[in-house]
């Protein structure tokens, strides 16, 4: 099974969006496709932190059973405390979409729209 690995705070997390988690995520995002949240970056509209962390949380659920959204918020706070930034996290989420079957190869941020529509 495909997945991508994100190291946060010295621990490796396997990430992948399964169908059930995508469905739950869409409900949290008001019915929006999660990739749509990321595509706004191409127009200079960064995804909200809440949306970004919801995507990360959903991607963690397949392999980190029982992780809560509050756990992800705390992980993010620690991630930033270690010198990482919000912008450092975004490329990892693009990889999540790739291994989750949204597109074949991770596009540059400006290519997300074209790849998602193929």
Protein backbone atom coordinates (compact mmCIF):
# COMPACT_ATOMS: atom_id res chain seq x y z
CA UNK A 1 0.00 0.00 0.00
CA UNK A 2 1.29 3.41 -0.96
CA UNK A 3 1.90 6.10 1.64
CA UNK A 4 4.17 9.03 2.25
CA UNK A 5 6.11 9.62 5.45
CA UNK A 6 6.21 12.90 7.35
CA UNK A 7 8.64 13.33 10.21
CA UNK A 8 7.28 15.64 12.87
CA UNK A 9 9.03 16.21 16.17
CA UNK A 10 11.38 13.27 15.66
CA UNK A 11 8.64 10.74 14.87
CA UNK A 12 7.70 9.30 11.48
CA UNK A 13 4.02 9.34 10.48
CA UNK A 14 2.71 7.34 7.54
CA UNK A 15 0.16 9.40 5.60
CA UNK A 16 -2.51 8.41 3.10
CA UNK A 17 -6.12 9.36 2.50
CA UNK A 18 -8.45 6.37 2.24
CA UNK A 19 -11.95 6.67 0.77
CA UNK A 20 -13.70 6.66 4.16
CA UNK A 21 -11.35 9.35 5.50
CA UNK A 22 -11.80 11.48 2.39
CA UNK A 23 -15.56 11.29 2.88
CA UNK A 24 -15.25 12.38 6.53
CA UNK A 25 -12.84 15.13 5.52
CA UNK A 26 -15.25 16.47 2.89
CA UNK A 27 -17.92 16.76 5.60
CA UNK A 28 -15.52 18.79 7.78
CA UNK A 29 -14.73 20.99 4.77
CA UNK A 30 -18.37 21.79 4.02
CA UNK A 31 -18.65 19.36 1.11
CA UNK A 32 -15.54 20.66 -0.67
CA UNK A 33 -13.04 18.32 -2.25
CA UNK A 34 -9.88 18.46 -0.09
CA UNK A 35 -7.69 19.03 -3.14
CA UNK A 36 -9.75 22.15 -3.87
CA UNK A 37 -8.54 23.56 -0.56
CA UNK A 38 -4.92 23.20 -1.70
CA UNK A 39 -5.52 24.53 -5.23
CA UNK A 40 -6.30 28.00 -3.91
CA UNK A 41 -2.58 28.42 -3.24
CA UNK A 42 -1.98 28.79 -6.96
CA UNK A 43 -3.99 32.04 -6.86
CA UNK A 44 -2.12 33.27 -3.80
CA UNK A 45 -4.87 32.13 -1.43
CA UNK A 46 -3.22 29.89 1.10
CA UNK A 47 -5.40 27.19 2.63
CA UNK A 48 -6.62 27.96 6.12
CA UNK A 49 -4.68 26.40 8.96
CA UNK A 50 -7.85 24.59 10.01
CA UNK A 51 -8.32 23.08 6.54
CA UNK A 52 -4.67 22.13 6.33
CA UNK A 53 -4.70 20.44 9.74
CA UNK A 54 -7.98 18.67 8.88
CA UNK A 55 -6.28 17.22 5.78
CA UNK A 56 -3.26 16.17 7.85
CA UNK A 57 -5.51 14.61 10.48
CA UNK A 58 -7.48 12.62 7.89
CA UNK A 59 -4.21 11.46 6.28
CA UNK A 60 -2.93 10.20 9.64
CA UNK A 61 -6.02 8.15 10.51
CA UNK A 62 -5.27 5.18 8.23
CA UNK A 63 -1.99 4.31 10.01
CA UNK A 64 -2.13 6.16 13.34
CA UNK A 65 -5.35 4.75 14.74
CA UNK A 66 -7.01 6.87 17.39
CA UNK A 67 -5.13 10.10 16.65
CA UNK A 68 -7.44 13.02 17.42
CA UNK A 69 -7.67 16.42 15.81
CA UNK A 70 -6.41 17.88 19.11
CA UNK A 71 -3.36 15.58 18.82
CA UNK A 72 -2.68 16.98 15.34
CA UNK A 73 -3.01 20.55 16.61
CA UNK A 74 -0.45 19.79 19.33
CA UNK A 75 1.88 18.10 16.84
CA UNK A 76 1.68 21.17 14.62
CA UNK A 77 2.51 23.48 17.54
CA UNK A 78 5.56 21.34 18.35
CA UNK A 79 6.50 21.25 14.65
CA UNK A 80 6.54 25.05 14.57
CA UNK A 81 8.40 25.24 17.89
CA UNK A 82 11.16 23.17 16.27
CA UNK A 83 11.66 25.84 13.61
CA UNK A 84 9.39 24.51 10.87
CA UNK A 85 6.75 26.62 9.19
CA UNK A 86 3.26 26.26 7.80
CA UNK A 87 4.77 26.55 4.31
CA UNK A 88 7.09 23.61 5.07
CA UNK A 89 4.04 21.41 5.64
CA UNK A 90 2.24 22.11 2.34
CA UNK A 91 4.52 20.06 0.00
CA UNK A 92 4.00 17.04 2.26
CA UNK A 93 0.25 17.36 1.82
CA UNK A 94 0.66 17.45 -1.96
CA UNK A 95 2.51 14.12 -1.62
CA UNK A 96 -0.44 12.79 0.39
CA UNK A 97 -2.77 13.58 -2.51
CA UNK A 98 -0.40 11.83 -4.91
CA UNK A 99 -0.20 8.57 -2.96
CA UNK A 100 -3.96 8.75 -2.35
CA UNK A 101 -4.76 8.59 -6.05
CA UNK A 102 -5.69 12.19 -6.79
CA UNK A 103 -3.02 12.40 -9.53
CA UNK A 104 -0.06 10.33 -10.77
CA UNK A 105 2.91 12.60 -10.04
CA UNK A 106 3.18 15.39 -7.54
CA UNK A 107 2.79 18.60 -9.56
CA UNK A 108 4.32 21.95 -8.82
CA UNK A 109 1.81 24.09 -6.92
CA UNK A 110 0.88 25.91 -10.14
CA UNK A 111 0.15 22.61 -11.90
CA UNK A 112 -2.31 21.20 -9.36
CA UNK A 113 -5.40 22.33 -11.29
CA UNK A 114 -4.41 20.72 -14.56
CA UNK A 115 -3.34 17.46 -12.97
CA UNK A 116 -6.48 17.15 -10.88
CA UNK A 117 -8.73 17.57 -13.91
CA UNK A 118 -7.14 14.77 -15.98
